[in-house]
């Protein structure tokens, strides 16, 4: 149970006796937003499966599920009990053209059901791509700017070096990683990709309790997160650079697709990474150097930017370099023991054109959250308080007018 939740129970008991707690110990919760908040998961992510919410903690609590009157378990006591929030499942392993369209469809249906005209979108990892595509579609469909706040968390807007390393070393290999299974050389028939896709399809169907027509594709998903077109000769343009050009902060008419664009950036040293990320780094024999400036992919590692010569200076979160993560303005997360955590603005130069960030935006460590890529969602083990974190995002959006 959270410290604040215990304090709330104690306060209720004291009030029943005609007593009260000192003012500084009074329970604080995030302000209710004007418009609902929709959370978008990353690659290989989910909404809720086997009692575990992607956006929540290891106890299965959805991060933006506010507590009702006298409710003290299975909810987030830092969130207003009437807060409107939702997370939607999209195809776990697919490109963001596919995922973003699915998200837009579900958001539009949700808006109709709830009778709302505006929305806030928050995306983790590839979800940061998906919310941009959804924002473009919603503005086009509705004829006005539907999205108020569009916030990305740990998103590889300019690519991930680990995605390229995986594709280079394993996914299009067909021998070493796939136990020498027969392969005809066609990417669609790569035994690694086929196996992973079948598993992902089964999980996706189980979560949604139905079959879907859009199937998982690990190769397409991986290519989405490489900055440049992965294979210029395959007849299909892929990669973050092309996606950014098509789904930047503005549409083709030069109008912004959201009122406000912000990002939260994560990075951690090698000593306390999530075990899954440590295993990946061991498997690849690679550690990214992700805080040097270059508008394009100057070192051909799959992400825009270059290294500064040191891979041990908190410059990536185990999957994404800090020079890839900023979209719009940069936010800072402030954790305050026993109080509602806060999100505040930084003075780091905003990124208005995702393919042309400033040097400061790609190299500055200002406001970087000292957590790895998986710590900020419900994938343990970690000591990060996801419920506090998303409540702070909730409060930031509310105070910003969303």
Protein backbone atom coordinates (compact mmCIF):
# COMPACT_ATOMS: atom_id res chain seq x y z
CA UNK A 1 0.00 0.00 0.00
CA UNK A 2 1.25 3.50 -0.89
CA UNK A 3 2.37 5.91 1.82
CA UNK A 4 -0.34 8.33 0.70
CA UNK A 5 -2.99 5.63 0.82
CA UNK A 6 -2.02 4.80 4.39
CA UNK A 7 -2.14 8.49 5.20
CA UNK A 8 -5.62 8.74 3.68
CA UNK A 9 -6.88 5.83 5.79
CA UNK A 10 -5.33 7.40 8.91
CA UNK A 11 -6.90 10.73 8.04
CA UNK A 12 -10.32 9.11 7.69
CA UNK A 13 -9.97 7.49 11.11
CA UNK A 14 -8.85 10.72 12.73
CA UNK A 15 -11.68 12.68 11.14
CA UNK A 16 -14.17 10.14 12.47
CA UNK A 17 -12.83 10.99 15.93
CA UNK A 18 -13.11 14.70 15.31
CA UNK A 19 -9.36 15.10 14.82
CA UNK A 20 -7.27 16.04 11.80
CA UNK A 21 -3.79 15.63 10.41
CA UNK A 22 -1.41 18.60 10.09
CA UNK A 23 -1.95 20.47 6.82
CA UNK A 24 1.36 19.38 5.31
CA UNK A 25 0.35 15.71 5.63
CA UNK A 26 -3.03 16.09 3.89
CA UNK A 27 -3.51 13.72 0.97
CA UNK A 28 -2.86 15.21 -2.47
CA UNK A 29 -3.99 13.78 -5.77
CA UNK A 30 -3.61 14.70 -9.41
CA UNK A 31 -6.11 17.19 -10.73
CA UNK A 32 -8.72 15.72 -13.05
CA UNK A 33 -8.00 16.54 -16.68
CA UNK A 34 -10.50 18.36 -18.87
CA UNK A 35 -10.18 15.67 -21.56
CA UNK A 36 -9.57 11.91 -21.25
CA UNK A 37 -6.04 10.49 -21.34
CA UNK A 38 -5.31 7.62 -23.72
CA UNK A 39 -2.12 5.57 -23.17
CA UNK A 40 -0.41 3.79 -26.08
CA UNK A 41 1.92 0.83 -25.48
CA UNK A 42 5.26 0.08 -27.13
CA UNK A 43 6.48 -2.72 -29.37
CA UNK A 44 5.55 -6.20 -28.08
CA UNK A 45 3.31 -4.44 -25.58
CA UNK A 46 -0.21 -5.08 -24.41
CA UNK A 47 -3.15 -3.45 -22.64
CA UNK A 48 -3.71 -5.96 -19.84
CA UNK A 49 -2.75 -9.61 -19.81
CA UNK A 50 -2.92 -12.16 -16.99
CA UNK A 51 -3.72 -9.38 -14.53
CA UNK A 52 -0.70 -7.26 -15.50
CA UNK A 53 -1.26 -3.81 -16.94
CA UNK A 54 1.40 -2.46 -19.29
CA UNK A 55 0.76 0.97 -17.77
CA UNK A 56 0.72 0.03 -14.13
CA UNK A 57 2.70 -1.72 -11.45
CA UNK A 58 3.64 -5.34 -10.78
CA UNK A 59 0.55 -5.74 -8.59
CA UNK A 60 -1.76 -5.34 -11.56
CA UNK A 61 -3.01 -1.81 -10.85
CA UNK A 62 -3.76 0.35 -13.91
CA UNK A 63 -1.80 3.55 -13.38
CA UNK A 64 -4.67 5.95 -14.11
CA UNK A 65 -7.41 4.06 -12.29
CA UNK A 66 -8.39 6.52 -9.57
CA UNK A 67 -9.79 5.31 -6.25
CA UNK A 68 -13.49 5.58 -5.60
CA UNK A 69 -14.86 6.58 -2.19
CA UNK A 70 -13.40 4.34 0.55
CA UNK A 71 -11.59 2.20 -2.07
CA UNK A 72 -8.04 1.51 -0.89
CA UNK A 73 -6.87 -1.47 -2.97
CA UNK A 74 -6.48 -2.10 -6.69
CA UNK A 75 -6.46 1.58 -7.63
CA UNK A 76 -4.13 4.58 -7.72
CA UNK A 77 -4.86 6.91 -4.79
CA UNK A 78 -2.89 9.69 -6.51
CA UNK A 79 -5.48 9.87 -9.32
CA UNK A 80 -8.90 11.51 -9.09
CA UNK A 81 -11.61 8.87 -8.82
CA UNK A 82 -13.53 10.37 -11.75
CA UNK A 83 -10.53 10.72 -14.07
CA UNK A 84 -11.25 9.42 -17.57
CA UNK A 85 -8.37 7.32 -18.90
CA UNK A 86 -7.90 4.24 -21.06
CA UNK A 87 -5.23 2.10 -22.70
CA UNK A 88 -5.95 0.32 -25.98
CA UNK A 89 -4.40 -2.84 -27.39
CA UNK A 90 -3.04 -2.56 -30.92
CA UNK A 91 -1.09 -5.17 -32.86
CA UNK A 92 1.98 -5.79 -30.72
CA UNK A 93 4.49 -6.36 -33.53
CA UNK A 94 3.67 -4.15 -36.51
CA UNK A 95 4.78 -0.87 -38.06
CA UNK A 96 3.24 2.37 -36.84
CA UNK A 97 1.28 2.94 -40.04
CA UNK A 98 -0.73 -0.09 -38.91
CA UNK A 99 -0.65 0.52 -35.17
CA UNK A 100 -1.36 4.25 -35.43
CA UNK A 101 -4.42 3.61 -37.60
CA UNK A 102 -5.72 1.02 -35.14
CA UNK A 103 -5.18 3.47 -32.29
CA UNK A 104 -6.99 6.28 -34.11
CA UNK A 105 -9.96 3.98 -34.81
CA UNK A 106 -10.21 2.96 -31.15
CA UNK A 107 -9.79 6.52 -29.89
CA UNK A 108 -12.48 7.77 -32.24
CA UNK A 109 -14.88 5.06 -31.06
CA UNK A 110 -14.05 5.89 -27.43
CA UNK A 111 -14.69 9.59 -28.01
CA UNK A 112 -18.11 8.79 -29.46
CA UNK A 113 -18.96 6.53 -26.53
CA UNK A 114 -17.88 9.09 -23.94
CA UNK A 115 -19.29 12.06 -25.81
CA UNK A 116 -16.01 14.00 -25.84
CA UNK A 117 -14.51 16.13 -28.59
CA UNK A 118 -10.89 16.29 -27.45
CA UNK A 119 -8.32 13.85 -26.11
CA UNK A 120 -4.81 13.62 -24.61
CA UNK A 121 -2.43 10.98 -25.98
CA UNK A 122 0.57 9.52 -24.09
CA UNK A 123 2.77 6.90 -25.78
CA UNK A 124 5.62 4.77 -24.48
CA UNK A 125 8.41 3.67 -26.86
CA UNK A 126 6.89 2.85 -30.27
CA UNK A 127 3.65 4.18 -28.84
CA UNK A 128 5.23 7.62 -29.37
CA UNK A 129 5.13 6.92 -33.12
CA UNK A 130 1.59 5.56 -32.94
CA UNK A 131 0.17 8.63 -31.20
CA UNK A 132 1.62 10.91 -33.87
CA UNK A 133 -0.01 8.88 -36.64
CA UNK A 134 -3.27 8.82 -34.67
CA UNK A 135 -3.15 12.60 -34.13
CA UNK A 136 -2.73 13.16 -37.87
CA UNK A 137 -5.65 10.86 -38.68
CA UNK A 138 -7.94 12.33 -36.03
CA UNK A 139 -7.32 15.88 -37.23
CA UNK A 140 -7.96 14.83 -40.83
CA UNK A 141 -11.13 12.92 -39.98
CA UNK A 142 -12.61 15.47 -37.57
CA UNK A 143 -11.47 18.64 -39.33
CA UNK A 144 -10.02 20.20 -36.18
CA UNK A 145 -7.14 19.61 -33.74
CA UNK A 146 -8.47 16.75 -31.63
CA UNK A 147 -5.37 16.10 -29.50
CA UNK A 148 -4.60 18.55 -26.72
CA UNK A 149 -1.44 17.08 -25.14
CA UNK A 150 0.70 14.59 -27.07
CA UNK A 151 3.43 13.18 -24.81
CA UNK A 152 6.01 10.51 -25.59
CA UNK A 153 8.00 8.48 -23.06
CA UNK A 154 11.30 6.75 -24.01
CA UNK A 155 10.37 6.91 -27.70
CA UNK A 156 12.96 6.23 -30.44
CA UNK A 157 11.79 9.10 -32.64
CA UNK A 158 15.11 9.01 -34.46
CA UNK A 159 15.68 5.26 -34.31
CA UNK A 160 17.14 2.63 -31.98
CA UNK A 161 20.60 1.12 -32.54
CA UNK A 162 19.44 -2.10 -30.91
CA UNK A 163 16.70 -2.57 -33.51
CA UNK A 164 19.27 -2.42 -36.30
CA UNK A 165 21.66 -4.73 -34.46
CA UNK A 166 18.92 -7.32 -34.02
CA UNK A 167 17.90 -7.14 -37.67
CA UNK A 168 21.51 -7.27 -38.85
CA UNK A 169 22.59 -10.11 -36.61
CA UNK A 170 19.55 -12.33 -36.22
CA UNK A 171 16.21 -11.49 -37.73
CA UNK A 172 17.34 -11.69 -41.36
CA UNK A 173 20.00 -14.32 -40.73
CA UNK A 174 18.08 -17.57 -40.75
CA UNK A 175 20.80 -19.75 -39.27
CA UNK A 176 22.59 -18.85 -36.04
CA UNK A 177 19.61 -17.61 -34.02
CA UNK A 178 17.09 -19.99 -35.55
CA UNK A 179 18.88 -23.22 -34.80
CA UNK A 180 19.85 -23.78 -38.45
CA UNK A 181 16.23 -24.11 -39.56
CA UNK A 182 15.75 -24.23 -43.31
CA UNK A 183 15.14 -20.86 -44.90
CA UNK A 184 14.52 -19.80 -48.49
CA UNK A 185 16.05 -16.36 -47.96
CA UNK A 186 12.76 -14.48 -48.21
CA UNK A 187 12.31 -12.08 -45.25
CA UNK A 188 8.65 -13.03 -44.90
CA UNK A 189 9.68 -16.67 -44.42
CA UNK A 190 12.52 -16.05 -41.99
CA UNK A 191 12.08 -18.81 -39.37
CA UNK A 192 12.84 -16.43 -36.49
CA UNK A 193 10.22 -13.97 -37.63
CA UNK A 194 7.65 -16.68 -38.33
CA UNK A 195 8.09 -18.24 -34.89
CA UNK A 196 7.91 -14.93 -33.01
CA UNK A 197 4.92 -13.84 -35.09
CA UNK A 198 2.98 -17.01 -34.27
CA UNK A 199 3.60 -16.54 -30.56
CA UNK A 200 2.63 -12.86 -30.71
CA UNK A 201 -0.52 -13.64 -32.69
CA UNK A 202 -1.58 -16.22 -30.10
CA UNK A 203 -1.03 -13.75 -27.24
CA UNK A 204 -2.79 -10.96 -29.10
CA UNK A 205 -5.82 -13.14 -29.81
CA UNK A 206 -5.92 -14.25 -26.16
CA UNK A 207 -5.83 -10.67 -24.89
CA UNK A 208 -8.51 -9.48 -27.30
CA UNK A 209 -10.48 -12.73 -27.07
CA UNK A 210 -10.84 -12.69 -30.83
CA UNK A 211 -8.83 -13.12 -33.99
CA UNK A 212 -7.72 -10.04 -35.90
CA UNK A 213 -7.05 -9.54 -39.58
CA UNK A 214 -3.86 -7.53 -39.02
CA UNK A 215 -1.25 -10.04 -37.94
CA UNK A 216 2.03 -9.45 -36.16
CA UNK A 217 5.18 -9.00 -38.23
CA UNK A 218 8.43 -8.83 -36.26
CA UNK A 219 10.45 -7.78 -39.32
CA UNK A 220 8.17 -4.83 -40.16
CA UNK A 221 8.10 -3.82 -36.51
CA UNK A 222 11.89 -3.85 -36.27
CA UNK A 223 12.36 -1.88 -39.47
CA UNK A 224 10.07 0.84 -38.11
CA UNK A 225 12.60 1.59 -35.37
CA UNK A 226 15.68 1.89 -37.59
CA UNK A 227 16.28 5.50 -38.62
CA UNK A 228 17.06 5.07 -42.32
CA UNK A 229 15.29 2.82 -44.81
CA UNK A 230 16.59 -0.60 -43.79
CA UNK A 231 16.69 -2.06 -47.31
CA UNK A 232 16.55 0.53 -50.14
CA UNK A 233 16.24 -2.31 -52.67
CA UNK A 234 13.16 -4.11 -51.33
CA UNK A 235 10.62 -1.72 -52.88
CA UNK A 236 9.26 -0.62 -49.49
CA UNK A 237 10.35 2.55 -47.69
CA UNK A 238 10.74 1.88 -43.99
CA UNK A 239 12.27 3.56 -40.95
CA UNK A 240 11.80 6.40 -38.51
CA UNK A 241 13.16 9.09 -40.85
CA UNK A 242 10.50 8.45 -43.49
CA UNK A 243 7.79 8.14 -40.85
CA UNK A 244 8.86 11.45 -39.28
CA UNK A 245 8.71 13.20 -42.65
CA UNK A 246 5.15 11.98 -43.12
CA UNK A 247 3.93 12.32 -39.53
CA UNK A 248 5.84 15.21 -38.04
CA UNK A 249 4.34 17.65 -35.57
CA UNK A 250 2.53 19.41 -38.43
CA UNK A 251 0.38 18.01 -41.23
CA UNK A 252 0.91 18.59 -44.94
CA UNK A 253 -0.98 21.90 -44.69
CA UNK A 254 1.48 23.17 -42.07
CA UNK A 255 -0.95 22.92 -39.15
CA UNK A 256 0.02 21.33 -35.84
CA UNK A 257 -1.81 18.07 -35.13
CA UNK A 258 -1.81 18.66 -31.36
CA UNK A 259 -1.93 21.72 -29.15
CA UNK A 260 1.14 20.71 -27.13
CA UNK A 261 4.01 18.28 -27.80
CA UNK A 262 6.23 17.07 -24.97
CA UNK A 263 8.57 14.20 -24.19
CA UNK A 264 10.04 12.40 -21.19
CA UNK A 265 13.50 10.91 -21.63
CA UNK A 266 15.02 7.91 -19.86
CA UNK A 267 18.60 6.65 -19.46
CA UNK A 268 20.46 4.42 -17.06
CA UNK A 269 23.96 3.10 -16.50
CA UNK A 270 24.80 -0.57 -17.05
CA UNK A 271 24.77 -1.53 -13.39
CA UNK A 272 21.04 -1.62 -12.81
CA UNK A 273 19.35 -2.41 -16.10
CA UNK A 274 16.32 -4.66 -16.32
CA UNK A 275 17.55 -8.29 -16.60
CA UNK A 276 15.85 -8.67 -19.98
CA UNK A 277 17.78 -5.70 -21.36
CA UNK A 278 21.03 -6.96 -19.88
CA UNK A 279 20.44 -10.31 -21.57
CA UNK A 280 19.80 -8.54 -24.88
CA UNK A 281 23.04 -6.57 -24.61
CA UNK A 282 24.96 -9.77 -23.84
CA UNK A 283 23.31 -11.50 -26.79
CA UNK A 284 24.23 -8.66 -29.14
CA UNK A 285 27.63 -7.90 -27.66
CA UNK A 286 26.78 -4.24 -28.08
CA UNK A 287 26.32 -1.12 -25.96
CA UNK A 288 25.00 2.07 -27.51
CA UNK A 289 26.66 5.48 -27.34
CA UNK A 290 23.65 7.75 -27.64
CA UNK A 291 24.37 11.35 -26.75
CA UNK A 292 26.41 12.79 -29.62
CA UNK A 293 25.09 15.23 -32.22
CA UNK A 294 24.44 14.57 -35.88
CA UNK A 295 21.17 15.25 -37.70
CA UNK A 296 21.41 11.98 -39.63
CA UNK A 297 22.73 8.52 -38.80
CA UNK A 298 26.38 9.45 -39.05
CA UNK A 299 27.79 6.26 -37.52
CA UNK A 300 25.36 3.88 -39.28
CA UNK A 301 24.16 2.33 -36.02
CA UNK A 302 20.46 2.62 -36.84
CA UNK A 303 19.77 5.85 -34.96
CA UNK A 304 20.25 9.49 -35.86
CA UNK A 305 23.17 11.11 -34.10
CA UNK A 306 26.52 9.69 -33.16
CA UNK A 307 28.43 8.85 -30.01
CA UNK A 308 30.52 11.13 -27.84
CA UNK A 309 33.09 8.41 -27.15
CA UNK A 310 31.65 7.08 -23.90
CA UNK A 311 29.03 4.34 -23.57
CA UNK A 312 28.91 4.53 -19.77
CA UNK A 313 27.59 8.04 -19.15
CA UNK A 314 23.83 7.45 -18.86
CA UNK A 315 23.31 8.09 -22.57
CA UNK A 316 20.75 5.38 -23.35
CA UNK A 317 18.04 3.46 -21.53
CA UNK A 318 19.01 0.02 -22.76
CA UNK A 319 17.11 0.36 -26.04
CA UNK A 320 17.09 4.04 -27.05
CA UNK A 321 19.72 6.78 -26.91
CA UNK A 322 18.85 10.12 -25.38
CA UNK A 323 19.64 11.80 -28.72
CA UNK A 324 16.66 9.98 -30.23
CA UNK A 325 13.98 10.60 -27.64
CA UNK A 326 13.02 14.28 -27.66
CA UNK A 327 9.86 15.40 -29.46
CA UNK A 328 8.60 18.93 -28.88
CA UNK A 329 9.53 20.30 -25.47
CA UNK A 330 11.39 18.25 -22.84
CA UNK A 331 9.83 17.53 -19.47
CA UNK A 332 11.44 16.67 -16.13
CA UNK A 333 10.05 14.21 -13.59
CA UNK A 334 10.46 15.22 -9.95
CA UNK A 335 9.90 12.57 -7.29
CA UNK A 336 8.99 13.97 -3.86
CA UNK A 337 8.78 11.55 -0.94
CA UNK A 338 5.35 11.49 0.66
CA UNK A 339 3.85 14.02 -1.75
CA UNK A 340 2.39 14.03 -5.23
CA UNK A 341 5.29 13.86 -7.68
CA UNK A 342 5.50 16.59 -10.32
CA UNK A 343 6.30 17.04 -13.99
CA UNK A 344 7.88 20.36 -14.92
CA UNK A 345 9.15 22.01 -18.10
CA UNK A 346 12.86 22.24 -18.91
CA UNK A 347 14.58 24.94 -20.92
CA UNK A 348 16.10 22.49 -23.42
CA UNK A 349 15.43 23.66 -26.97
CA UNK A 350 12.19 22.18 -28.32
CA UNK A 351 12.31 19.80 -31.29
CA UNK A 352 9.78 21.03 -33.85
CA UNK A 353 11.18 19.03 -36.79
CA UNK A 354 11.92 15.48 -35.68
CA UNK A 355 14.52 14.88 -38.38
CA UNK A 356 16.37 18.12 -37.60
CA UNK A 357 16.82 18.49 -33.82
CA UNK A 358 19.28 20.96 -32.33
CA UNK A 359 22.62 19.87 -30.95
CA UNK A 360 21.44 20.69 -27.42
CA UNK A 361 18.31 18.54 -27.79
CA UNK A 362 20.44 15.55 -28.84
CA UNK A 363 23.21 15.87 -26.27
CA UNK A 364 21.78 17.47 -23.13
CA UNK A 365 21.21 15.25 -20.07
CA UNK A 366 18.89 17.83 -18.49
CA UNK A 367 15.74 16.26 -17.10
CA UNK A 368 16.70 12.70 -18.06
CA UNK A 369 14.95 10.16 -15.80
CA UNK A 370 17.41 7.70 -14.30
CA UNK A 371 15.48 4.57 -15.28
CA UNK A 372 15.77 2.03 -18.08
CA UNK A 373 13.35 1.52 -20.96
CA UNK A 374 11.16 -1.00 -19.13
CA UNK A 375 11.21 0.52 -15.63
CA UNK A 376 8.61 3.15 -16.54
CA UNK A 377 5.97 0.55 -17.40
CA UNK A 378 4.75 -2.49 -15.48
CA UNK A 379 7.71 -4.74 -16.24
CA UNK A 380 9.69 -5.56 -13.11
CA UNK A 381 11.80 -6.02 -11.22
CA UNK A 382 12.46 -2.40 -10.37
CA UNK A 383 11.99 0.13 -7.58
CA UNK A 384 10.28 2.72 -9.79
CA UNK A 385 6.81 3.81 -8.66
CA UNK A 386 4.78 3.72 -11.88
CA UNK A 387 1.61 4.85 -10.14
CA UNK A 388 3.27 8.03 -8.87
CA UNK A 389 4.84 8.66 -12.29
CA UNK A 390 1.61 8.48 -14.30
CA UNK A 391 -0.28 10.44 -11.67
CA UNK A 392 2.32 13.19 -12.13
CA UNK A 393 1.77 13.09 -15.91
CA UNK A 394 -1.99 13.25 -15.25
CA UNK A 395 -1.51 16.31 -13.03
CA UNK A 396 0.80 17.99 -15.55
CA UNK A 397 -1.78 17.58 -18.32
CA UNK A 398 -4.54 18.94 -16.11
CA UNK A 399 -2.53 22.01 -15.10
CA UNK A 400 -1.57 22.60 -18.75
CA UNK A 401 -5.25 22.88 -19.60
CA UNK A 402 -5.81 19.41 -21.02
